Amino acid sequence: MVEEFDGGNPGPAPSIAGDEKVPGNTTELERPKNAAPKPEWAEYAARRGIEGVEGMSKDELVAAVNALDAQ
């Protein structure tokens, strides 16, 4: 199937299911502020591909994200 582009605003790019869970992929994610609550850090870490976030403290989550960023 071919769709014609009329030159108007095509809207947002389609997302690929699971794309945001690729480790290191931060194209759609904004890093939480240091003062952000633990649930925000847990969601961010999980979306970055870090496993076991449910059992981590906020400090452990931040450290895991920092370690991933350092790679």
C-alpha atoms as a PDB file:
ATOM      1  CA  MET A   1       0.000   0.000   0.000  1.00  0.00           C
ATOM      2  CA  VAL A   2       1.275   3.432  -0.936  1.00  0.00           C
ATOM      3  CA  GLU A   3       0.167   6.584   0.819  1.00  0.00           C
ATOM      4  CA  GLU A   4       0.622   9.971  -0.739  1.00  0.00           C
ATOM      5  CA  PHE A   5       2.089  12.761   1.337  1.00  0.00           C
ATOM      6  CA  ASP A   6       0.188  15.991   0.836  1.00  0.00           C
ATOM      7  CA  GLY A   7       2.991  18.168   2.209  1.00  0.00           C
ATOM      8  CA  GLY A   8       1.089  18.975   5.411  1.00  0.00           C
ATOM      9  CA  ASN A   9       2.137  18.138   8.929  1.00  0.00           C
ATOM     10  CA  PRO A  10       2.553  14.363   9.069  1.00  0.00           C
ATOM     11  CA  GLY A  11       2.070  14.344  12.844  1.00  0.00           C
ATOM     12  CA  PRO A  12       4.207  12.470  15.322  1.00  0.00           C
ATOM     13  CA  ALA A  13       6.364   9.614  14.141  1.00  0.00           C
ATOM     14  CA  PRO A  14       4.843   6.222  14.810  1.00  0.00           C
ATOM     15  CA  SER A  15       6.368   4.373  17.738  1.00  0.00           C
ATOM     16  CA  ILE A  16       7.465   0.782  17.612  1.00  0.00           C
ATOM     17  CA  ALA A  17       6.089  -1.368  20.417  1.00  0.00           C
ATOM     18  CA  GLY A  18       8.755  -1.888  23.034  1.00  0.00           C
ATOM     19  CA  ASP A  19      11.077   0.714  21.511  1.00  0.00           C
ATOM     20  CA  GLU A  20      11.256   2.638  24.792  1.00  0.00           C
ATOM     21  CA  LYS A  21      12.506  -0.462  26.624  1.00  0.00           C
ATOM     22  CA  VAL A  22      15.719  -0.766  24.636  1.00  0.00           C
ATOM     23  CA  PRO A  23      18.603  -0.264  27.076  1.00  0.00           C
ATOM     24  CA  GLY A  24      20.235   3.085  26.554  1.00  0.00           C
ATOM     25  CA  ASN A  25      17.439   4.387  24.328  1.00  0.00           C
ATOM     26  CA  THR A  26      16.523   7.793  25.701  1.00  0.00           C
ATOM     27  CA  THR A  27      14.990   9.366  22.605  1.00  0.00           C
ATOM     28  CA  GLU A  28      11.503   9.477  24.174  1.00  0.00           C
ATOM     29  CA  LEU A  29      12.469   9.548  27.843  1.00  0.00           C
ATOM     30  CA  GLU A  30      13.350  12.440  30.063  1.00  0.00           C
ATOM     31  CA  ARG A  31      15.571  11.654  33.015  1.00  0.00           C
ATOM     32  CA  PRO A  32      13.811  12.428  36.307  1.00  0.00           C
ATOM     33  CA  LYS A  33      15.138  15.225  38.462  1.00  0.00           C
ATOM     34  CA  ASN A  34      17.201  14.131  41.459  1.00  0.00           C
ATOM     35  CA  ALA A  35      14.356  15.156  43.786  1.00  0.00           C
ATOM     36  CA  ALA A  36      11.796  13.085  41.841  1.00  0.00           C
ATOM     37  CA  PRO A  37       9.982  10.396  43.854  1.00  0.00           C
ATOM     38  CA  LYS A  38      11.051   6.754  43.771  1.00  0.00           C
ATOM     39  CA  PRO A  39       8.148   5.599  41.532  1.00  0.00           C
ATOM     40  CA  GLU A  40       9.260   8.050  38.843  1.00  0.00           C
ATOM     41  CA  TRP A  41      12.818   6.721  39.017  1.00  0.00           C
ATOM     42  CA  ALA A  42      11.567   3.120  38.998  1.00  0.00           C
ATOM     43  CA  GLU A  43       9.533   3.712  35.839  1.00  0.00           C
ATOM     44  CA  TYR A  44      12.424   5.480  34.128  1.00  0.00           C
ATOM     45  CA  ALA A  45      14.878   2.717  35.069  1.00  0.00           C
ATOM     46  CA  ALA A  46      12.495  -0.001  33.875  1.00  0.00           C
ATOM     47  CA  ARG A  47      11.978   1.790  30.561  1.00  0.00           C
ATOM     48  CA  ARG A  48      15.751   1.965  30.198  1.00  0.00           C
ATOM     49  CA  GLY A  49      15.884  -1.831  30.521  1.00  0.00           C
ATOM     50  CA  ILE A  50      17.031  -2.156  34.115  1.00  0.00           C
ATOM     51  CA  GLU A  51      15.513  -5.257  35.694  1.00  0.00           C
ATOM     52  CA  GLY A  52      14.447  -5.751  39.290  1.00  0.00           C
ATOM     53  CA  VAL A  53      13.456  -2.138  39.910  1.00  0.00           C
ATOM     54  CA  GLU A  54      10.634  -3.167  42.249  1.00  0.00           C
ATOM     55  CA  GLY A  55      13.082  -4.263  44.920  1.00  0.00           C
ATOM     56  CA  MET A  56      15.476  -1.315  44.605  1.00  0.00           C
ATOM     57  CA  SER A  57      15.689   1.802  46.744  1.00  0.00           C
ATOM     58  CA  LYS A  58      15.672   5.196  45.062  1.00  0.00           C
ATOM     59  CA  ASP A  59      19.444   5.487  45.595  1.00  0.00           C
ATOM     60  CA  GLU A  60      19.956   2.091  43.964  1.00  0.00           C
ATOM     61  CA  LEU A  61      17.765   3.112  41.021  1.00  0.00           C
ATOM     62  CA  VAL A  62      19.731   6.324  40.485  1.00  0.00           C
ATOM     63  CA  ALA A  63      23.020   4.395  40.731  1.00  0.00           C
ATOM     64  CA  ALA A  64      21.817   1.801  38.208  1.00  0.00           C
ATOM     65  CA  VAL A  65      20.782   4.530  35.754  1.00  0.00           C
ATOM     66  CA  ASN A  66      24.114   6.296  36.237  1.00  0.00           C
ATOM     67  CA  ALA A  67      25.971   3.018  35.603  1.00  0.00           C
ATOM     68  CA  LEU A  68      23.969   2.465  32.421  1.00  0.00           C
ATOM     69  CA  ASP A  69      24.732   6.001  31.259  1.00  0.00           C
ATOM     70  CA  ALA A  70      28.447   5.478  31.918  1.00  0.00           C
ATOM     71  CA  GLN A  71      28.596   2.533  29.503  1.00  0.00           C
END
